[in-house]
Protein backbone atom coordinates (compact mmCIF):
# COMPACT_ATOMS: atom_id res chain seq x y z
CA MET A 1 89.42 60.20 90.17
CA LYS A 2 85.76 59.74 89.21
CA ARG A 3 83.20 59.56 91.98
CA ARG A 4 82.28 55.92 91.21
CA ASP A 5 85.95 54.89 91.15
CA PHE A 6 86.51 56.64 94.46
CA LEU A 7 83.61 54.78 96.05
CA ARG A 8 84.84 51.45 94.74
CA ALA A 9 88.34 52.13 96.10
CA ALA A 10 86.98 53.20 99.48
CA ALA A 11 84.77 50.14 99.67
CA THR A 12 87.66 47.83 98.83
CA SER A 13 89.77 49.53 101.48
CA ALA A 14 87.05 49.05 104.08
CA VAL A 15 86.78 45.34 103.36
CA ALA A 16 90.55 44.96 103.48
CA MET A 17 90.56 46.71 106.84
CA GLN A 18 87.95 44.26 108.09
CA LEU A 19 90.12 41.31 107.09
CA ASP A 20 92.86 42.69 109.33
CA THR A 21 90.68 43.04 112.44
CA GLU A 22 90.48 40.57 115.28
CA THR A 23 86.71 40.28 115.08
CA ALA A 24 85.65 36.65 115.16
CA GLN A 25 84.50 35.28 111.81
CA PRO A 26 83.40 31.68 112.39
CA SER A 27 82.10 29.49 109.61
CA VAL A 28 78.40 29.73 108.87
CA ASP A 29 78.00 25.96 109.16
CA GLY A 30 77.62 26.05 112.93
CA GLY A 31 79.54 25.82 116.14
CA THR A 32 81.55 22.89 117.40
CA GLY A 33 78.62 21.43 119.29
CA ASP A 34 80.88 21.22 122.35
CA ASN A 35 78.71 21.97 125.37
CA THR A 36 81.48 21.31 127.87
CA VAL A 37 81.54 24.79 129.36
CA LYS A 38 83.40 25.40 132.61
CA SER A 39 81.50 26.67 135.62
CA PHE A 40 81.50 30.45 135.87
CA PRO A 41 81.64 32.19 139.27
CA LEU A 42 79.57 35.12 137.98
CA GLU A 43 76.82 33.00 136.41
CA GLU A 44 73.43 34.64 136.98
CA ARG A 45 74.94 37.33 139.25
CA THR A 46 72.67 40.35 139.41
CA ILE A 47 73.70 44.00 139.50
CA SER A 48 73.03 44.23 143.23
CA GLN A 49 75.03 41.07 143.90
CA LEU A 50 77.96 42.36 141.86
CA GLN A 51 77.80 45.66 143.72
CA HIS A 52 77.87 43.78 147.01
CA ASP A 53 80.85 41.76 145.78
CA MET A 54 82.74 44.98 145.03
CA GLU A 55 81.70 46.64 148.30
CA GLN A 56 82.98 43.64 150.25
CA GLY A 57 86.24 43.55 148.31
CA ARG A 58 85.56 40.15 146.78
CA TYR A 59 85.99 41.57 143.29
CA THR A 60 87.09 44.83 141.75
CA ALA A 61 85.55 46.27 138.60
CA ARG A 62 88.83 45.40 136.88
CA ARG A 63 88.47 41.79 137.97
CA LEU A 64 84.85 41.66 136.78
CA VAL A 65 85.97 42.85 133.36
CA GLU A 66 88.69 40.20 133.26
CA MET A 67 86.28 37.45 134.26
CA TYR A 68 83.68 38.40 131.67
CA LEU A 69 86.41 38.63 129.01
CA GLU A 70 87.53 35.13 129.97
CA ARG A 71 83.94 33.96 129.68
CA ILE A 72 83.65 35.52 126.22
CA GLU A 73 86.89 33.83 125.15
CA GLN A 74 85.61 30.45 126.31
CA VAL A 75 81.96 30.59 125.23
CA ASP A 76 81.82 33.11 122.41
CA ARG A 77 85.13 32.60 120.64
CA GLY A 78 85.73 28.93 121.44
CA GLY A 79 83.77 25.96 122.75
CA PRO A 80 80.14 26.58 121.74
CA GLU A 81 81.28 29.42 119.46
CA LEU A 82 78.21 31.50 120.29
CA ASN A 83 79.46 34.49 118.26
CA ALA A 84 77.41 37.07 120.14
CA VAL A 85 80.17 39.67 120.56
CA ILE A 86 81.33 41.45 117.42
CA GLU A 87 84.04 43.60 119.04
CA LEU A 88 85.67 44.06 122.45
CA ASN A 89 86.48 47.40 124.02
CA PRO A 90 90.28 47.70 124.33
CA GLU A 91 89.81 50.40 126.98
CA ALA A 92 87.49 48.40 129.26
CA ALA A 93 90.17 47.38 131.77
CA ALA A 94 91.57 50.91 132.06
CA ILE A 95 88.08 52.35 132.57
CA ALA A 96 87.45 49.73 135.27
CA GLU A 97 90.65 50.73 137.08
CA ARG A 98 89.58 54.38 137.14
CA LEU A 99 86.19 53.40 138.54
CA ASP A 100 87.90 51.26 141.17
CA GLY A 101 89.88 54.33 142.11
CA GLU A 102 86.68 56.31 142.55
CA ARG A 103 85.22 53.59 144.74
CA GLY A 104 88.36 53.52 146.82
CA ALA A 105 88.04 57.27 147.32
CA GLY A 106 84.49 56.82 148.61
CA HIS A 107 82.65 57.87 145.46
CA VAL A 108 80.19 55.40 143.91
CA ARG A 109 78.15 56.87 141.09
CA GLY A 110 75.18 54.55 141.48
CA PRO A 111 74.03 50.96 140.93
CA LEU A 112 75.84 50.64 137.60
CA HIS A 113 79.24 51.77 138.93
CA GLY A 114 81.78 49.23 137.67
CA ILE A 115 79.18 46.99 135.99
CA PRO A 116 80.23 45.49 132.61
CA VAL A 117 77.65 46.08 129.86
CA LEU A 118 77.45 44.94 126.25
CA ILE A 119 75.77 47.18 123.68
CA LYS A 120 74.48 46.48 120.19
CA ASP A 121 76.76 47.40 117.28
CA ASN A 122 74.36 50.03 115.93
CA ILE A 123 74.90 52.23 119.02
CA GLY A 124 77.55 54.86 118.42
CA THR A 125 80.66 55.20 120.55
CA ALA A 126 83.30 57.85 120.02
CA ASP A 127 86.12 55.63 121.24
CA LYS A 128 88.35 52.89 119.86
CA MET A 129 85.40 50.69 118.92
CA MET A 130 83.58 50.88 115.62
CA THR A 131 79.86 51.33 114.99
CA THR A 132 78.90 49.36 111.90
CA ALA A 133 75.35 47.98 112.24
CA GLY A 134 77.05 44.73 111.22
CA SER A 135 77.94 46.03 107.75
CA LEU A 136 81.37 46.03 106.13
CA ALA A 137 80.38 49.36 104.57
CA LEU A 138 80.84 51.09 107.94
CA VAL A 139 84.07 49.40 108.99
CA GLY A 140 86.50 52.14 109.96
CA ALA A 141 83.82 54.85 110.23
CA ARG A 142 83.71 56.03 113.84
CA PRO A 143 81.08 58.49 115.09
CA LYS A 144 82.31 61.90 116.20
CA ARG A 145 80.53 61.62 119.55
CA ASP A 146 78.86 59.07 121.77
CA ALA A 147 75.23 58.15 121.37
CA PHE A 148 73.01 59.70 124.04
CA ILE A 149 72.53 56.41 125.86
CA VAL A 150 76.28 55.75 125.81
CA ARG A 151 76.82 59.08 127.58
CA GLN A 152 74.18 58.06 130.11
CA LEU A 153 75.92 54.74 130.72
CA ARG A 154 79.36 56.30 131.09
CA ARG A 155 78.07 58.91 133.55
CA ALA A 156 76.51 56.13 135.61
CA GLY A 157 79.84 54.31 135.79
CA ALA A 158 78.92 51.40 133.57
CA ILE A 159 81.80 49.78 131.69
CA LEU A 160 81.28 49.19 127.98
CA LEU A 161 82.74 45.73 127.61
CA GLY A 162 82.16 45.53 123.87
CA LYS A 163 79.58 45.45 121.13
CA THR A 164 77.23 42.68 120.12
CA ASN A 165 76.49 41.15 116.76
CA LEU A 166 73.09 41.81 115.20
CA SER A 167 70.94 41.16 112.20
CA GLU A 168 72.67 43.51 109.78
CA TRP A 169 71.12 46.98 109.52
CA ALA A 170 68.68 45.96 112.28
CA ASN A 171 67.24 43.32 109.95
CA TYR A 172 66.10 45.83 107.35
CA ARG A 173 67.81 44.79 104.15
CA SER A 174 66.13 41.70 102.74
CA THR A 175 62.67 40.17 102.63
CA HIS A 176 64.11 36.74 103.49
CA SER A 177 67.02 37.48 105.80
CA THR A 178 68.44 35.26 108.54
CA SER A 179 68.28 36.84 112.00
CA GLY A 180 71.57 37.15 113.83
CA TRP A 181 73.67 37.25 110.64
CA SER A 182 75.79 40.19 109.56
CA GLY A 183 78.48 40.63 106.95
CA ARG A 184 80.90 41.80 109.59
CA GLY A 185 80.05 39.42 112.39
CA GLY A 186 78.75 36.21 110.86
CA GLN A 187 75.97 34.18 112.49
CA THR A 188 75.06 34.40 116.17
CA ARG A 189 73.73 31.20 117.73
CA ASN A 190 71.14 30.47 120.36
CA PRO A 191 72.82 29.36 123.61
CA TYR A 192 70.02 26.90 124.41
CA ALA A 193 70.44 25.00 121.13
CA LEU A 194 73.36 26.02 118.96
CA ASP A 195 71.71 25.03 115.69
CA ARG A 196 68.78 27.35 116.44
CA ASN A 197 68.30 31.04 115.90
CA PRO A 198 68.64 33.78 118.55
CA CYS A 199 66.02 35.93 116.78
CA GLY A 200 66.85 39.53 115.98
CA SER A 201 67.84 42.07 115.40
CA SER A 202 69.35 42.37 118.90
CA SER A 203 70.61 38.82 118.55
CA GLY A 204 74.00 39.21 120.18
CA SER A 205 72.62 41.24 123.08
CA GLY A 206 70.02 38.58 123.84
CA ALA A 207 72.36 35.62 123.45
CA GLY A 208 75.21 37.41 125.23
CA VAL A 209 73.36 38.39 128.39
CA SER A 210 71.66 34.99 128.53
CA ALA A 211 75.03 33.22 128.28
CA ASN A 212 76.45 35.41 131.09
CA LEU A 213 78.94 37.19 128.84
CA CYS A 214 78.07 40.43 130.67
CA ALA A 215 75.91 41.65 133.52
CA VAL A 216 73.31 43.37 131.30
CA ALA A 217 73.01 44.44 127.67
CA ILE A 218 71.37 47.04 125.44
CA GLY A 219 69.37 46.25 122.33
CA THR A 220 67.28 48.31 119.93
CA GLU A 221 63.85 47.64 118.47
CA THR A 222 61.77 48.82 115.56
CA ASN A 223 59.42 45.83 115.61
CA GLY A 224 60.28 42.87 117.81
CA SER A 225 64.04 43.35 117.87
CA ILE A 226 64.26 43.51 121.68
CA VAL A 227 61.33 41.36 122.76
CA CYS A 228 61.84 38.48 120.29
CA PRO A 229 65.54 37.82 121.07
CA SER A 230 64.75 38.28 124.76
CA SER A 231 62.05 35.63 124.52
CA THR A 232 64.05 33.10 122.51
CA ASN A 233 67.15 33.59 124.69
CA GLY A 234 65.28 33.34 127.98
CA VAL A 235 65.82 36.88 129.31
CA VAL A 236 63.86 39.98 130.22
CA GLY A 237 63.51 42.67 127.56
CA ILE A 238 62.02 46.15 127.81
CA LYS A 239 60.97 47.96 124.64
CA PRO A 240 60.30 51.51 125.94
CA THR A 241 57.84 54.07 124.67
CA VAL A 242 59.23 55.99 121.70
CA GLY A 243 60.25 59.22 123.41
CA LEU A 244 61.45 57.80 126.73
CA VAL A 245 65.02 57.02 125.62
CA GLY A 246 67.05 59.38 123.43
CA ARG A 247 68.18 57.88 120.13
CA SER A 248 70.82 60.25 118.82
CA GLY A 249 73.94 58.40 117.74
CA ILE A 250 72.10 55.15 117.00
CA VAL A 251 72.14 53.90 113.42
CA PRO A 252 68.48 54.46 112.47
CA LEU A 253 65.86 52.35 110.81
CA ALA A 254 62.62 54.33 111.24
CA HIS A 255 62.21 57.22 113.67
CA SER A 256 58.51 56.61 114.32
CA GLN A 257 59.32 53.23 115.90
CA ASP A 258 63.05 53.05 116.74
CA VAL A 259 63.99 52.82 120.42
CA ALA A 260 66.76 51.34 122.57
CA GLY A 261 66.11 49.28 125.67
CA PRO A 262 67.49 46.92 128.32
CA MET A 263 68.00 43.18 128.07
CA ALA A 264 68.79 41.42 131.34
CA ARG A 265 68.41 38.20 133.26
CA THR A 266 66.05 39.74 135.82
CA VAL A 267 63.35 42.38 135.78
CA THR A 268 65.14 44.36 138.48
CA ASP A 269 68.35 44.56 136.47
CA ALA A 270 66.43 45.63 133.37
CA ALA A 271 64.67 48.31 135.43
CA ILE A 272 67.99 49.61 136.78
CA LEU A 273 69.34 49.84 133.25
CA LEU A 274 66.22 51.61 131.95
CA THR A 275 66.48 54.16 134.76
CA CYS A 276 70.00 54.95 133.57
CA ILE A 277 69.35 55.34 129.84
CA ALA A 278 65.99 57.16 129.95
CA GLY A 279 66.20 60.90 129.56
CA VAL A 280 65.73 64.00 127.46
CA ASP A 281 68.13 63.93 124.52
CA PRO A 282 68.93 67.40 123.11
CA ARG A 283 69.48 65.84 119.68
CA ASP A 284 66.26 63.80 119.63
CA THR A 285 63.22 66.05 119.48
CA VAL A 286 60.77 63.27 120.32
CA THR A 287 62.12 63.34 123.90
CA GLN A 288 62.00 67.10 124.37
CA ASN A 289 58.62 67.46 126.05
CA ASP A 290 58.68 64.23 127.97
CA GLN A 291 57.78 64.48 131.66
CA ASN A 292 58.10 60.77 132.33
CA VAL A 293 61.85 60.21 132.44
CA ALA A 294 62.60 61.24 136.04
CA CYS A 295 61.67 57.85 137.44
CA ASN A 296 63.47 55.08 139.30
CA TYR A 297 61.97 52.06 137.58
CA ALA A 298 63.61 49.67 140.03
CA ALA A 299 61.95 51.27 143.06
CA ASP A 300 58.82 49.92 144.74
CA LEU A 301 58.92 46.55 143.02
CA SER A 302 56.59 44.20 144.87
CA PRO A 303 55.69 40.52 144.42
CA ASP A 304 52.08 41.58 145.09
CA ALA A 305 51.86 44.07 142.20
CA LEU A 306 49.49 41.83 140.20
CA ARG A 307 46.85 41.85 142.92
CA GLY A 308 43.69 43.60 141.74
CA LYS A 309 45.14 44.56 138.35
CA ARG A 310 42.92 44.00 135.33
CA ILE A 311 44.92 42.11 132.75
CA GLY A 312 43.51 41.60 129.26
CA VAL A 313 44.35 38.40 127.39
CA ALA A 314 44.91 39.08 123.68
CA ARG A 315 43.65 35.71 122.45
CA ASN A 316 44.02 36.69 118.81
CA TYR A 317 47.80 36.49 119.31
CA PHE A 318 47.58 32.88 120.50
CA GLY A 319 47.19 29.76 118.39
CA PHE A 320 50.42 29.76 116.39
CA HIS A 321 51.95 26.96 118.49
CA ALA A 322 50.06 24.59 120.80
CA ARG A 323 52.90 24.15 123.29
CA VAL A 324 53.45 27.91 123.49
CA ASP A 325 49.77 28.25 124.32
CA GLN A 326 50.22 25.71 127.13
CA VAL A 327 53.12 27.69 128.57
CA VAL A 328 51.14 30.93 128.49
CA GLU A 329 48.04 29.28 129.99
CA GLN A 330 50.15 28.26 132.96
CA ALA A 331 51.48 31.82 133.19
CA LEU A 332 47.89 33.12 133.23
CA ASP A 333 47.05 30.70 136.04
CA THR A 334 50.04 32.04 137.98
CA MET A 335 48.85 35.63 137.52
CA GLN A 336 45.37 34.72 138.66
CA GLN A 337 46.75 32.98 141.73
CA ARG A 338 48.66 36.18 142.52
CA GLY A 339 45.42 38.16 142.49
CA ALA A 340 45.21 39.47 138.93
CA VAL A 341 41.78 39.90 137.39
CA LEU A 342 41.96 38.32 133.94
CA VAL A 343 39.71 39.69 131.22
CA ASP A 344 39.65 36.92 128.65
CA PRO A 345 39.46 37.54 125.78
CA ALA A 346 40.52 41.13 125.28
CA ASN A 347 41.70 41.07 121.70
CA VAL A 348 43.83 43.82 120.16
CA ASN A 349 43.28 44.88 116.58
CA ARG A 350 45.87 43.20 114.38
CA SER A 351 44.68 44.23 110.93
CA GLY A 352 44.66 47.36 108.83
CA TYR A 353 48.17 48.64 109.39
CA GLY A 354 50.37 46.04 107.74
CA ARG A 355 50.73 47.81 104.40
CA SER A 356 50.83 51.24 106.03
CA GLY A 357 53.56 50.11 108.39
CA GLY A 358 55.66 48.80 105.53
CA ARG A 359 55.38 52.07 103.64
CA VAL A 360 56.31 54.08 106.73
CA LEU A 361 59.46 52.01 107.21
CA SER A 362 60.51 52.41 103.57
CA TYR A 363 60.17 56.19 103.60
CA GLU A 364 61.70 56.69 107.03
CA PHE A 365 64.61 54.33 106.43
CA LYS A 366 65.66 56.20 103.31
CA ALA A 367 65.39 59.61 104.99
CA ASP A 368 66.96 58.56 108.28
CA ILE A 369 69.84 56.49 106.91
CA ASN A 370 70.75 59.18 104.37
CA LYS A 371 70.97 61.73 107.19
CA TYR A 372 73.04 59.40 109.37
CA LEU A 373 75.49 58.38 106.65
CA ALA A 374 75.96 61.97 105.44
CA ALA A 375 77.04 62.99 108.94
CA LEU A 376 79.81 60.37 109.17
CA GLY A 377 82.23 62.42 107.12
CA SER A 378 85.12 61.54 104.87
CA ASP A 379 86.27 58.40 106.69
CA ALA A 380 83.09 56.53 105.70
CA ALA A 381 83.00 54.41 102.56
CA VAL A 382 79.35 55.32 101.90
CA HIS A 383 77.41 58.54 102.46
CA ASN A 384 73.87 57.70 101.35
CA LEU A 385 71.59 54.76 100.61
CA ASP A 386 72.45 54.70 96.91
CA GLU A 387 76.16 54.33 97.67
CA LEU A 388 75.36 51.67 100.27
CA ILE A 389 73.45 49.67 97.66
CA GLN A 390 76.44 49.97 95.31
CA PHE A 391 78.81 48.85 98.06
CA ASN A 392 76.78 45.70 98.67
CA GLU A 393 76.76 44.88 94.97
CA TRP A 394 80.53 45.32 94.68
CA HIS A 395 81.04 43.06 97.71
CA ARG A 396 78.24 40.62 97.06
CA ASP A 397 80.42 37.64 98.04
CA ARG A 398 80.88 39.00 101.59
CA GLU A 399 77.73 41.07 102.09
CA MET A 400 75.11 39.11 100.18
CA PRO A 401 76.16 35.44 100.08
CA PHE A 402 72.79 34.27 101.44
CA PHE A 403 70.21 37.02 100.91
CA GLY A 404 69.94 40.29 99.04
CA GLN A 405 68.87 43.88 99.63
CA GLU A 406 65.30 44.01 98.36
CA LEU A 407 64.18 46.36 101.13
CA PHE A 408 67.02 48.77 100.36
CA LEU A 409 65.98 48.86 96.72
CA MET A 410 62.35 49.46 97.65
CA ALA A 411 63.29 52.29 100.01
CA GLN A 412 65.56 53.94 97.44
CA LYS A 413 62.58 54.40 95.13
CA LYS A 414 60.61 56.37 97.73
CA GLY A 415 60.33 60.15 97.88
CA ASP A 416 60.93 62.38 100.89
CA LEU A 417 58.86 62.60 104.06
CA SER A 418 56.61 65.30 102.63
CA THR A 419 55.14 62.78 100.18
CA PRO A 420 51.36 62.39 100.74
CA GLU A 421 51.64 58.60 100.56
CA TYR A 422 53.99 58.63 103.57
CA GLN A 423 51.95 61.14 105.57
CA GLU A 424 48.75 59.18 105.02
CA ALA A 425 50.41 55.85 105.86
CA LEU A 426 51.87 57.24 109.12
CA GLN A 427 48.54 58.68 110.22
CA ARG A 428 46.71 55.46 109.41
CA MET A 429 49.29 53.31 111.19
CA HIS A 430 49.08 55.35 114.37
CA ARG A 431 45.30 55.54 114.29
CA VAL A 432 44.88 51.80 113.84
CA ALA A 433 47.63 50.79 116.30
CA ARG A 434 46.77 53.36 118.97
CA ASP A 435 43.20 54.71 118.83
CA GLU A 436 41.65 51.60 117.29
CA GLY A 437 44.17 49.18 118.75
CA ILE A 438 45.80 49.15 122.18
CA ASP A 439 44.02 52.25 123.51
CA ALA A 440 40.63 50.94 122.37
CA THR A 441 41.14 47.56 124.05
CA LEU A 442 42.33 49.14 127.30
CA LYS A 443 39.34 51.47 127.37
CA GLU A 444 36.71 48.92 126.37
CA HIS A 445 37.67 46.50 129.14
CA ALA A 446 39.00 49.02 131.71
CA LEU A 447 42.37 47.29 131.65
CA ASP A 448 45.69 48.07 133.28
CA ALA A 449 47.66 46.02 130.76
CA ILE A 450 47.42 43.37 128.07
CA VAL A 451 49.32 40.07 127.84
CA ALA A 452 50.15 37.75 124.96
CA PRO A 453 52.82 35.20 124.06
CA THR A 454 55.92 37.12 122.98
CA ALA A 455 57.15 34.74 120.28
CA GLY A 456 57.49 31.09 119.40
CA PRO A 457 60.42 28.85 120.34
CA ALA A 458 63.66 29.37 118.43
CA TRP A 459 63.66 27.95 114.91
CA VAL A 460 66.57 26.15 113.26
CA THR A 461 68.86 28.69 111.61
CA ASP A 462 68.49 28.42 107.85
CA LEU A 463 70.81 30.54 105.73
CA ILE A 464 69.29 29.18 102.53
CA LEU A 465 65.60 29.90 103.14
CA GLY A 466 65.89 32.57 105.83
CA ASP A 467 63.83 33.03 108.99
CA HIS A 468 60.72 31.01 109.64
CA GLY A 469 59.45 32.04 113.07
CA SER A 470 56.04 30.73 114.05
CA GLY A 471 54.40 33.88 115.41
CA GLY A 472 54.46 36.65 117.99
CA SER A 473 52.80 39.74 119.43
CA SER A 474 55.35 42.55 119.06
CA THR A 475 53.61 44.50 116.29
CA PRO A 476 50.83 46.40 118.16
CA ALA A 477 53.18 48.07 120.64
CA ALA A 478 55.86 48.57 117.98
CA ARG A 479 53.57 50.32 115.51
CA ALA A 480 51.96 52.39 118.26
CA GLY A 481 55.32 53.36 119.78
CA TYR A 482 54.13 52.00 123.13
CA PRO A 483 56.08 50.02 125.76
CA ASN A 484 56.38 46.25 125.83
CA VAL A 485 58.00 44.11 128.52
CA THR A 486 58.74 40.42 127.99
CA VAL A 487 59.58 37.97 130.77
CA PRO A 488 60.53 34.27 130.61
CA ALA A 489 57.36 32.18 131.02
CA GLY A 490 58.59 28.63 130.42
CA ASP A 491 60.04 26.49 127.68
CA VAL A 492 59.13 24.23 124.77
CA PHE A 493 61.53 21.28 124.46
CA GLY A 494 64.10 23.27 126.42
CA LEU A 495 63.70 26.38 124.24
CA PRO A 496 62.62 29.49 126.18
CA VAL A 497 59.28 31.18 125.62
CA GLY A 498 58.36 34.65 126.94
CA ILE A 499 55.14 36.43 127.81
CA SER A 500 54.63 40.11 126.94
CA PHE A 501 53.01 42.84 129.02
CA PHE A 502 52.05 45.96 127.07
CA SER A 503 49.86 49.01 127.62
CA ARG A 504 49.47 52.72 126.85
CA ALA A 505 52.31 55.18 126.26
CA TYR A 506 54.69 55.77 129.18
CA SER A 507 53.26 52.94 131.28
CA GLU A 508 56.74 51.42 131.81
CA ARG A 509 56.62 51.67 135.59
CA LEU A 510 53.35 49.74 135.81
CA LEU A 511 54.46 47.13 133.29
CA ILE A 512 57.76 46.58 135.08
CA GLN A 513 55.91 46.12 138.39
CA LEU A 514 53.57 43.56 136.82
CA ALA A 515 56.44 41.75 135.11
CA TYR A 516 58.39 41.65 138.37
CA ALA A 517 55.47 40.18 140.30
CA PHE A 518 55.03 37.49 137.64
CA GLU A 519 58.77 36.78 137.58
CA GLN A 520 58.88 36.33 141.35
CA ALA A 521 55.88 33.99 141.29
CA SER A 522 57.05 31.87 138.35
CA ARG A 523 60.88 31.85 138.41
CA CYS A 524 61.05 30.51 134.85
CA ARG A 525 64.51 31.74 133.87
CA LYS A 526 66.92 28.82 133.34
CA PRO A 527 70.56 29.41 132.31
CA PRO A 528 71.49 27.96 128.90
CA ARG A 529 73.63 24.85 128.67
CA PHE A 530 74.85 25.23 125.06
CA ARG A 531 73.36 21.98 123.75
CA PRO A 532 73.95 21.22 120.06
CA HIS A 533 70.21 20.71 119.48
CA ALA A 534 66.88 21.16 121.25
CA GLN A 535 65.85 18.72 124.00
CA LEU A 536 63.53 16.56 121.92
CA ASP A 537 63.72 13.69 124.40
CA VAL A 538 61.99 15.49 127.28
């Protein structure tokens, strides 16, 4: 059989396999609009509360799994048809029973023991679940071993409840894609207004944890893919420093910016999750010399942490939406009332790295995805970017019904990472984002951190024209590889809006403390009510 014929046969087999799975495939026209959702006993329960419930015998880990699965069946599969979960873990209940046995024998591994967690479908698991990045091309291809952060979660006693839908290939395929859509999973919806977008690419993780489909979730970010869906879904998101969390086993986009991080309903829960997944990964060299991972990020959280801290206001990231500005102005007043010293303005350079950043992503995506696909072995339908492009063409009706693969085609034309164009672009991007960007602003104003609106309110999902978000501030920290923490700050017509805290490399502990103090003073998180549309009558 010729190579091309073999690929076509393998691709057809993969799609046929997908048609036989139980993964939900709702229509792209929208959910039912039914916001009659039953009350849920675990709504807004924190990790510490769930641990207390298990310690007191109110619930077992097995019962928690059952309750969250019931919630997913009601909210994700039926009713509002949120479509945040792409696959459930068939072993979750059995794992929970084993962890219950450990608890009964007096052994509790830590704060995540028996806690159900959802993870994004680009995070590899060597179990009965698949890892597809939302693409039909990877259906049936299972990694040979767990991703580093999955090993960390399992060791901590967390229960992988399932995997979440995402913007396919972490939203790096088309220049006019729709966030939250994948060929395998369909369209995820925003739980605050079902006709609106959850942002991406960690769409299912943001919508899922907000809708109480799990206790906490994991997302990944290259630029905005944790903080934007956290903001639009009304949750806390932590985008760590590149180098704090090992990335082996995660379907890559670009190694200079890729990182995984927590998404949770509270800062404390996000900090607990970050403490678990941070660490030196033997298969990820960027973590090898890190001295910052041995830290309990949930310790020493104080409502007074803002007092005396110099907080810069990046005014050049305001102005894209008047009502968002109003929300953030109120947040700034809250910080000032809690003792923060606001330096306003303290603008961060936002020019000079746009073209360089795009080139870096093109080169790194080609190199990184080729390496990842080649390692999957014979059970994968594709083994490099060229074959992936061919797969999408052969299955255009399922993979490209709404948007194409322009970014794939651009990346395929690039050379290897020794190309001078790439080397120069990477150096320029880091210089502008770090030395002339965040670091320069921190130094000039003697700041502890910088704040800006995370993103605009959720836009109406548009599969014809693609995304049309109004603005945001994720790029400086993303390009620099620096940490970024977003916290709910309020809402616009019932749609959540977040505020971002960012600073120098490995400043996660400080940023989490500041975010916690703001969270405790503002209490802006409101559970979603699955309305068909935004609250335009408020």
